[in-house]
Amino acid sequence: MTIRIATSVDFPNIAAIYNEFIRLGSSTMEEKIHDEKDIAAWVEKFNARERLYVMEVADEIIGWGIIKKYSDREGYRFAAETAVYLTSSQVGKGYGSRMKEYLIEQARLLEYRHLIAKIFAKNEGSIRYNMKLGYTLVGTQKNIGFKNGAWQDVVILQLLLY
């Protein structure tokens, strides 16, 4: 297993994995299917402390993780949001935890102090694995998004690094 910074060659795979979850409707509020140009647009807008990583197993990309700024407001410059997506066939094998641990370590190196994870309240597996890694519950935003024909609650978790 290898984790590395994503390059443009990886963008189609990142989009394909993300699209699995967009279609599933349980992990992202996105509704538009993405392609490599959309992923390239994300990366082009990154600041010096934002990163997109891929995870490879046997030369196949099985997932990706992101560290992105929490807000454009300067006072939040030490806060970042993290997210991990794995191809559905690899979920439940421990790869998500490995990627999240890697993101946490990289966030420390990038001098973040506070990490945020926003997770659908129904996604209990993702909430559990984040909490096992030290994230704590901040609260639940009730009916914050409309997806799958219904209002969705989102749980906010945080990890204080220092």
C-alpha atoms as a PDB file:
ATOM      1  CA  MET A   1       0.000   0.000   0.000  1.00  0.00           C
ATOM      2  CA  THR A   2       1.296   3.453  -0.959  1.00  0.00           C
ATOM      3  CA  ILE A   3      -0.084   6.909  -0.252  1.00  0.00           C
ATOM      4  CA  ARG A   4       1.196   9.783  -2.354  1.00  0.00           C
ATOM      5  CA  ILE A   5       0.254  13.223  -3.617  1.00  0.00           C
ATOM      6  CA  ALA A   6      -2.161  12.940  -6.521  1.00  0.00           C
ATOM      7  CA  THR A   7      -1.067  14.002  -9.990  1.00  0.00           C
ATOM      8  CA  SER A   8      -3.164  14.818 -13.048  1.00  0.00           C
ATOM      9  CA  VAL A   9      -2.805  11.191 -14.193  1.00  0.00           C
ATOM     10  CA  ASP A  10      -4.812  10.205 -11.080  1.00  0.00           C
ATOM     11  CA  PHE A  11      -7.691  12.616 -11.633  1.00  0.00           C
ATOM     12  CA  PRO A  12      -9.889  10.213 -13.686  1.00  0.00           C
ATOM     13  CA  ASN A  13      -9.600   7.571 -10.939  1.00  0.00           C
ATOM     14  CA  ILE A  14     -10.336  10.122  -8.209  1.00  0.00           C
ATOM     15  CA  ALA A  15     -13.425  11.254 -10.130  1.00  0.00           C
ATOM     16  CA  ALA A  16     -14.584   7.650 -10.642  1.00  0.00           C
ATOM     17  CA  ILE A  17     -14.295   6.855  -6.928  1.00  0.00           C
ATOM     18  CA  TYR A  18     -16.047  10.088  -5.954  1.00  0.00           C
ATOM     19  CA  ASN A  19     -18.807   9.387  -8.474  1.00  0.00           C
ATOM     20  CA  GLU A  20     -19.523   6.063  -6.756  1.00  0.00           C
ATOM     21  CA  PHE A  21     -20.417   8.005  -3.617  1.00  0.00           C
ATOM     22  CA  ILE A  22     -22.281  10.748  -5.447  1.00  0.00           C
ATOM     23  CA  ARG A  23     -24.506   8.063  -6.975  1.00  0.00           C
ATOM     24  CA  LEU A  24     -24.848   6.217  -3.668  1.00  0.00           C
ATOM     25  CA  GLY A  25     -25.939   9.455  -2.006  1.00  0.00           C
ATOM     26  CA  SER A  26     -24.750   8.719   1.526  1.00  0.00           C
ATOM     27  CA  SER A  27     -21.400  10.496   1.834  1.00  0.00           C
ATOM     28  CA  THR A  28     -21.450  13.772  -0.073  1.00  0.00           C
ATOM     29  CA  MET A  29     -23.933  16.511  -0.804  1.00  0.00           C
ATOM     30  CA  GLU A  30     -22.570  16.681  -4.350  1.00  0.00           C
ATOM     31  CA  GLU A  31     -25.091  15.663  -6.987  1.00  0.00           C
ATOM     32  CA  LYS A  32     -23.219  16.415 -10.220  1.00  0.00           C
ATOM     33  CA  ILE A  33     -21.039  13.620 -11.588  1.00  0.00           C
ATOM     34  CA  HIS A  34     -17.379  14.704 -11.851  1.00  0.00           C
ATOM     35  CA  ASP A  35     -14.654  14.138 -14.400  1.00  0.00           C
ATOM     36  CA  GLU A  36     -10.911  14.729 -14.352  1.00  0.00           C
ATOM     37  CA  LYS A  37     -11.372  18.396 -15.301  1.00  0.00           C
ATOM     38  CA  ASP A  38     -13.421  18.959 -12.139  1.00  0.00           C
ATOM     39  CA  ILE A  39     -10.700  17.383  -9.997  1.00  0.00           C
ATOM     40  CA  ALA A  40      -8.057  19.484 -11.756  1.00  0.00           C
ATOM     41  CA  ALA A  41     -10.114  22.592 -10.948  1.00  0.00           C
ATOM     42  CA  TRP A  42     -10.078  21.664  -7.238  1.00  0.00           C
ATOM     43  CA  VAL A  43      -6.309  21.319  -7.235  1.00  0.00           C
ATOM     44  CA  GLU A  44      -5.759  24.528  -9.215  1.00  0.00           C
ATOM     45  CA  LYS A  45      -7.572  26.439  -6.461  1.00  0.00           C
ATOM     46  CA  PHE A  46      -5.559  24.873  -3.624  1.00  0.00           C
ATOM     47  CA  ASN A  47      -3.434  27.080  -1.414  1.00  0.00           C
ATOM     48  CA  ALA A  48       0.068  26.034  -0.328  1.00  0.00           C
ATOM     49  CA  ARG A  49      -1.309  23.973   2.592  1.00  0.00           C
ATOM     50  CA  GLU A  50      -4.024  22.001   0.822  1.00  0.00           C
ATOM     51  CA  ARG A  51      -3.395  18.517  -0.532  1.00  0.00           C
ATOM     52  CA  LEU A  52      -5.023  15.723  -2.497  1.00  0.00           C
ATOM     53  CA  TYR A  53      -3.600  12.215  -1.993  1.00  0.00           C
ATOM     54  CA  VAL A  54      -4.222   8.825  -3.562  1.00  0.00           C
ATOM     55  CA  MET A  55      -3.836   5.359  -2.089  1.00  0.00           C
ATOM     56  CA  GLU A  56      -2.497   2.583  -4.288  1.00  0.00           C
ATOM     57  CA  VAL A  57      -2.563  -1.165  -3.721  1.00  0.00           C
ATOM     58  CA  ALA A  58      -0.873  -3.389  -6.317  1.00  0.00           C
ATOM     59  CA  ASP A  59      -0.536  -0.380  -8.668  1.00  0.00           C
ATOM     60  CA  GLU A  60      -4.286   0.292  -8.521  1.00  0.00           C
ATOM     61  CA  ILE A  61      -5.769   3.452  -7.043  1.00  0.00           C
ATOM     62  CA  ILE A  62      -8.299   2.348  -4.452  1.00  0.00           C
ATOM     63  CA  GLY A  63      -8.986   5.654  -2.720  1.00  0.00           C
ATOM     64  CA  TRP A  64      -8.164   9.250  -2.127  1.00  0.00           C
ATOM     65  CA  GLY A  65      -7.990  11.712   0.732  1.00  0.00           C
ATOM     66  CA  ILE A  66      -8.038  15.469   0.945  1.00  0.00           C
ATOM     67  CA  ILE A  67      -6.876  18.187   3.310  1.00  0.00           C
ATOM     68  CA  LYS A  68      -8.567  21.465   2.457  1.00  0.00           C
ATOM     69  CA  LYS A  69      -8.918  24.773   4.205  1.00  0.00           C
ATOM     70  CA  TYR A  70     -11.928  25.137   6.434  1.00  0.00           C
ATOM     71  CA  SER A  71     -12.671  28.727   5.419  1.00  0.00           C
ATOM     72  CA  ASP A  72     -11.336  31.601   3.337  1.00  0.00           C
ATOM     73  CA  ARG A  73     -11.335  33.821   6.442  1.00  0.00           C
ATOM     74  CA  GLU A  74      -7.786  34.333   7.732  1.00  0.00           C
ATOM     75  CA  GLY A  75      -8.637  33.612  11.352  1.00  0.00           C
ATOM     76  CA  TYR A  76      -9.427  30.008  10.378  1.00  0.00           C
ATOM     77  CA  ARG A  77      -6.033  29.454   8.710  1.00  0.00           C
ATOM     78  CA  PHE A  78      -5.090  26.727  11.230  1.00  0.00           C
ATOM     79  CA  ALA A  79      -8.286  24.718  10.624  1.00  0.00           C
ATOM     80  CA  ALA A  80      -8.737  22.206   7.812  1.00  0.00           C
ATOM     81  CA  GLU A  81     -11.379  19.772   6.666  1.00  0.00           C
ATOM     82  CA  THR A  82     -10.415  16.192   5.888  1.00  0.00           C
ATOM     83  CA  ALA A  83     -12.223  13.551   3.852  1.00  0.00           C
ATOM     84  CA  VAL A  84     -11.465  10.043   2.622  1.00  0.00           C
ATOM     85  CA  TYR A  85     -13.138   8.084  -0.183  1.00  0.00           C
ATOM     86  CA  LEU A  86     -12.392   4.469  -1.108  1.00  0.00           C
ATOM     87  CA  THR A  87     -13.719   2.467  -3.988  1.00  0.00           C
ATOM     88  CA  SER A  88     -16.656   0.476  -2.634  1.00  0.00           C
ATOM     89  CA  SER A  89     -14.882  -2.888  -2.967  1.00  0.00           C
ATOM     90  CA  GLN A  90     -12.194  -1.709  -0.522  1.00  0.00           C
ATOM     91  CA  VAL A  91     -14.424  -0.301   2.226  1.00  0.00           C
ATOM     92  CA  GLY A  92     -14.162  -2.090   5.573  1.00  0.00           C
ATOM     93  CA  LYS A  93     -10.603  -3.370   5.085  1.00  0.00           C
ATOM     94  CA  GLY A  94      -8.812  -0.741   7.177  1.00  0.00           C
ATOM     95  CA  TYR A  95      -7.632   1.360   4.245  1.00  0.00           C
ATOM     96  CA  GLY A  96      -9.819   4.314   5.223  1.00  0.00           C
ATOM     97  CA  SER A  97      -8.239   4.433   8.676  1.00  0.00           C
ATOM     98  CA  ARG A  98      -4.757   4.274   7.177  1.00  0.00           C
ATOM     99  CA  MET A  99      -5.541   7.135   4.824  1.00  0.00           C
ATOM    100  CA  LYS A 100      -7.102   9.221   7.604  1.00  0.00           C
ATOM    101  CA  GLU A 101      -4.080   8.608   9.871  1.00  0.00           C
ATOM    102  CA  TYR A 102      -1.863   9.773   7.022  1.00  0.00           C
ATOM    103  CA  LEU A 103      -3.984  12.905   6.530  1.00  0.00           C
ATOM    104  CA  ILE A 104      -3.746  13.679  10.240  1.00  0.00           C
ATOM    105  CA  GLU A 105       0.049  13.404  10.185  1.00  0.00           C
ATOM    106  CA  GLN A 106       0.309  15.515   7.042  1.00  0.00           C
ATOM    107  CA  ALA A 107      -2.002  18.123   8.566  1.00  0.00           C
ATOM    108  CA  ARG A 108       0.381  18.382  11.534  1.00  0.00           C
ATOM    109  CA  LEU A 109       3.297  18.896   9.162  1.00  0.00           C
ATOM    110  CA  LEU A 110       1.280  21.587   7.368  1.00  0.00           C
ATOM    111  CA  GLU A 111       0.839  23.314  10.754  1.00  0.00           C
ATOM    112  CA  TYR A 112      -2.885  22.819  11.122  1.00  0.00           C
ATOM    113  CA  ARG A 113      -4.161  22.710  14.702  1.00  0.00           C
ATOM    114  CA  HIS A 114      -7.805  21.770  14.195  1.00  0.00           C
ATOM    115  CA  LEU A 115      -9.328  19.238  11.791  1.00  0.00           C
ATOM    116  CA  ILE A 116     -12.990  18.973  10.891  1.00  0.00           C
ATOM    117  CA  ALA A 117     -14.947  16.079   9.395  1.00  0.00           C
ATOM    118  CA  LYS A 118     -18.508  16.522   8.143  1.00  0.00           C
ATOM    119  CA  ILE A 119     -20.377  13.229   7.844  1.00  0.00           C
ATOM    120  CA  PHE A 120     -23.954  12.250   7.032  1.00  0.00           C
ATOM    121  CA  ALA A 121     -25.555  11.355  10.374  1.00  0.00           C
ATOM    122  CA  LYS A 122     -26.760   8.047   8.883  1.00  0.00           C
ATOM    123  CA  ASN A 123     -23.175   7.075   7.983  1.00  0.00           C
ATOM    124  CA  GLU A 124     -22.455   5.436  11.331  1.00  0.00           C
ATOM    125  CA  GLY A 125     -19.428   3.495  10.071  1.00  0.00           C
ATOM    126  CA  SER A 126     -17.626   6.671   9.025  1.00  0.00           C
ATOM    127  CA  ILE A 127     -18.501   8.392  12.292  1.00  0.00           C
ATOM    128  CA  ARG A 128     -17.165   5.415  14.281  1.00  0.00           C
ATOM    129  CA  TYR A 129     -13.876   5.193  12.408  1.00  0.00           C
ATOM    130  CA  ASN A 130     -13.224   8.927  12.778  1.00  0.00           C
ATOM    131  CA  MET A 131     -13.945   8.718  16.505  1.00  0.00           C
ATOM    132  CA  LYS A 132     -11.554   5.752  16.846  1.00  0.00           C
ATOM    133  CA  LEU A 133      -8.885   8.029  15.369  1.00  0.00           C
ATOM    134  CA  GLY A 134      -9.505  10.685  18.018  1.00  0.00           C
ATOM    135  CA  TYR A 135     -12.169  12.884  16.469  1.00  0.00           C
ATOM    136  CA  THR A 136     -14.851  14.054  18.887  1.00  0.00           C
ATOM    137  CA  LEU A 137     -18.449  15.009  18.270  1.00  0.00           C
ATOM    138  CA  VAL A 138     -19.161  18.723  17.985  1.00  0.00           C
ATOM    139  CA  GLY A 139     -22.830  18.366  17.097  1.00  0.00           C
ATOM    140  CA  THR A 140     -25.433  17.565  14.495  1.00  0.00           C
ATOM    141  CA  GLN A 141     -26.722  19.998  11.912  1.00  0.00           C
ATOM    142  CA  LYS A 142     -30.354  19.010  11.464  1.00  0.00           C
ATOM    143  CA  ASN A 143     -31.863  19.088   7.977  1.00  0.00           C
ATOM    144  CA  ILE A 144     -28.777  20.910   6.607  1.00  0.00           C
ATOM    145  CA  GLY A 145     -28.874  19.329   3.147  1.00  0.00           C
ATOM    146  CA  PHE A 146     -31.416  17.953   0.725  1.00  0.00           C
ATOM    147  CA  LYS A 147     -30.293  14.727  -0.926  1.00  0.00           C
ATOM    148  CA  ASN A 148     -32.048  11.574  -2.128  1.00  0.00           C
ATOM    149  CA  GLY A 149     -35.415  13.318  -1.930  1.00  0.00           C
ATOM    150  CA  ALA A 150     -35.108  13.939   1.805  1.00  0.00           C
ATOM    151  CA  TRP A 151     -33.563  16.347   4.290  1.00  0.00           C
ATOM    152  CA  GLN A 152     -30.269  15.084   5.671  1.00  0.00           C
ATOM    153  CA  ASP A 153     -28.553  15.648   9.021  1.00  0.00           C
ATOM    154  CA  VAL A 154     -24.783  16.112   9.092  1.00  0.00           C
ATOM    155  CA  VAL A 155     -22.569  15.322  12.065  1.00  0.00           C
ATOM    156  CA  ILE A 156     -19.594  17.608  12.706  1.00  0.00           C
ATOM    157  CA  LEU A 157     -16.514  16.020  14.251  1.00  0.00           C
ATOM    158  CA  GLN A 158     -13.272  17.704  15.249  1.00  0.00           C
ATOM    159  CA  LEU A 159      -9.737  16.671  16.083  1.00  0.00           C
ATOM    160  CA  LEU A 160      -7.486  19.048  18.025  1.00  0.00           C
ATOM    161  CA  LEU A 161      -3.884  18.393  17.012  1.00  0.00           C
ATOM    162  CA  TYR A 162      -2.093  20.504  19.672  1.00  0.00           C
END
